[in-house]
Each structure stands twice: as C-alpha cells, then as structure tokens.
Amino acid sequence: PEKMSELSVEEFLNELSTLDETFSERVRDASVENQVVRYVATISGGKCIVGLKNVQKTSAIGQLQGTDNLIEITSQIYVQPQPLIIRGPGAGTQCTANGVLADILSI
C-alpha cells in the first residue's frame, strides 16, 4: 500500500500485520466467486504488470499448489482456451538443495 512505501524495513515489518484483515477479506471474496488470489506477472505489448490477481480456481494458475510456478504463453499459435503451459517446481526444498549442491560441486 502507498502508505507503507516510505517506511523503513523495520517499520514495514512491524506494520505488516495490519494488512492481515485486508488480505483475508480479499481471499474470502475471491472464494465466493470460485476464485483464488495469485501473484501474477503479465507481459504484453512490451510492458510487464506484476501484482496480486483473482483467477478462477479451475484455471492452470488457480490450481497451483505449494511452490509450483507456471508460465502460460498465448500467441498467434497458442491461443485461448489452450495456451502453451510450462509448469514445474519453484524454489522448494529439493530444488534449492540441488542448486546448492551444484554450486558446491562447481567450486
């Protein structure tokens, strides 16, 4: 929120709990509409927009669980309702451990 943009890290962390009810309400409202709240980046026309977005529970991004990530590509070839979807683990424990081990082995 704009009111928190000027806070120091310590102040921001101290104020963070004041947003709990706002986000809980957003999640409840989305659920009533058969939606979930996801953090989404959209790239289109040379611009990138990143933020929280309500999406249908049945959509590919709506079905994500845990640390999974998803890229949905819509183009002249891959059009709705069947875009190209790349889905896989994000920074879960196994991926992170594999990355750390690879870094250690490369030293």
Protein backbone atom coordinates (compact mmCIF):
# COMPACT_ATOMS: atom_id res chain seq x y z
CA PRO A 1 0.00 0.00 0.00
CA GLU A 2 1.05 3.54 -0.73
CA LYS A 3 1.01 4.45 2.98
CA MET A 4 3.70 1.84 3.64
CA SER A 5 6.01 2.70 0.73
CA GLU A 6 8.07 5.20 2.72
CA LEU A 7 8.62 3.02 5.80
CA SER A 8 11.97 1.56 6.78
CA VAL A 9 12.25 -2.23 6.63
CA GLU A 10 11.82 -2.47 10.40
CA GLU A 11 8.77 -0.19 10.38
CA PHE A 12 7.28 -2.10 7.43
CA LEU A 13 7.69 -5.44 9.20
CA ASN A 14 6.13 -4.00 12.36
CA GLU A 15 3.11 -2.74 10.36
CA LEU A 16 2.70 -5.84 8.21
CA SER A 17 0.12 -7.48 10.48
CA THR A 18 -2.20 -4.50 9.92
CA LEU A 19 -2.80 -5.88 6.41
CA ASP A 20 -3.93 -9.33 7.59
CA GLU A 21 -7.64 -8.49 7.62
CA THR A 22 -7.48 -6.77 4.23
CA PHE A 23 -5.89 -9.79 2.58
CA SER A 24 -8.10 -12.27 4.44
CA GLU A 25 -11.14 -10.37 3.14
CA ARG A 26 -9.77 -10.43 -0.40
CA VAL A 27 -9.25 -14.21 -0.22
CA ARG A 28 -12.79 -14.69 1.19
CA ASP A 29 -14.33 -12.52 -1.53
CA ALA A 30 -12.44 -14.40 -4.23
CA SER A 31 -13.58 -17.74 -2.83
CA VAL A 32 -17.24 -16.68 -3.06
CA GLU A 33 -16.65 -16.13 -6.80
CA ASN A 34 -14.91 -19.55 -7.16
CA GLN A 35 -11.58 -17.76 -7.46
CA VAL A 36 -8.22 -17.72 -5.71
CA VAL A 37 -5.67 -14.93 -5.30
CA ARG A 38 -2.34 -15.44 -7.07
CA TYR A 39 0.76 -13.33 -7.65
CA VAL A 40 0.80 -12.87 -11.43
CA ALA A 41 3.13 -11.23 -13.95
CA THR A 42 1.68 -10.37 -17.36
CA ILE A 43 3.92 -9.35 -20.26
CA SER A 44 2.17 -7.80 -23.24
CA GLY A 45 2.94 -5.05 -25.72
CA GLY A 46 6.42 -4.52 -24.27
CA LYS A 47 5.06 -3.89 -20.78
CA CYS A 48 5.15 -6.03 -17.65
CA ILE A 49 2.49 -5.79 -14.96
CA VAL A 50 3.08 -7.65 -11.69
CA GLY A 51 0.74 -7.98 -8.75
CA LEU A 52 -1.99 -9.87 -6.99
CA LYS A 53 -4.81 -11.04 -9.22
CA ASN A 54 -8.00 -13.02 -8.70
CA VAL A 55 -8.12 -16.04 -11.04
CA GLN A 56 -10.57 -18.91 -11.47
CA LYS A 57 -9.83 -21.91 -9.23
CA THR A 58 -10.12 -24.18 -12.27
CA SER A 59 -7.55 -22.26 -14.33
CA ALA A 60 -3.99 -23.55 -14.66
CA ILE A 61 -2.63 -20.85 -12.35
CA GLY A 62 -5.56 -21.27 -9.99
CA GLN A 63 -4.64 -24.92 -9.49
CA LEU A 64 -1.03 -24.24 -8.47
CA GLN A 65 -0.01 -25.72 -5.13
CA GLY A 66 2.89 -25.00 -2.79
CA THR A 67 6.00 -23.69 -4.51
CA ASP A 68 4.98 -24.60 -8.07
CA ASN A 69 5.48 -21.99 -10.79
CA LEU A 70 3.73 -21.66 -14.12
CA ILE A 71 4.29 -19.84 -17.39
CA GLU A 72 1.30 -19.51 -19.71
CA ILE A 73 2.13 -18.45 -23.27
CA THR A 74 -0.57 -17.06 -25.50
CA SER A 75 0.46 -16.23 -29.07
CA GLN A 76 -0.82 -16.46 -32.64
CA ILE A 77 -0.15 -20.20 -32.47
CA TYR A 78 -1.07 -20.87 -28.82
CA VAL A 79 -4.44 -19.20 -28.38
CA GLN A 80 -7.05 -19.33 -25.64
CA PRO A 81 -8.59 -21.57 -24.44
CA GLN A 82 -5.47 -23.74 -24.90
CA PRO A 83 -2.26 -21.71 -24.43
CA LEU A 84 1.16 -23.30 -24.04
CA ILE A 85 1.70 -24.02 -20.34
CA ILE A 86 5.04 -24.76 -18.70
CA ARG A 87 4.68 -25.83 -15.08
CA GLY A 88 7.15 -27.08 -12.50
CA PRO A 89 8.64 -26.73 -9.06
CA GLY A 90 9.81 -23.34 -7.89
CA ALA A 91 12.20 -22.83 -5.01
CA GLY A 92 11.05 -25.82 -2.99
CA THR A 93 13.40 -27.67 -0.67
CA GLN A 94 14.56 -30.26 -3.22
CA CYS A 95 15.20 -27.69 -5.98
CA THR A 96 17.04 -25.43 -3.57
CA ALA A 97 19.13 -28.33 -2.23
CA ASN A 98 20.01 -29.41 -5.78
CA GLY A 99 21.06 -25.84 -6.62
CA VAL A 100 23.23 -25.56 -3.52
CA LEU A 101 24.84 -28.95 -4.20
CA ALA A 102 25.55 -27.96 -7.83
CA ASP A 103 27.17 -24.72 -6.59
CA ILE A 104 29.33 -26.65 -4.10
CA LEU A 105 30.41 -29.16 -6.73
CA SER A 106 31.41 -26.38 -9.13
CA ILE A 107 33.84 -24.86 -6.58
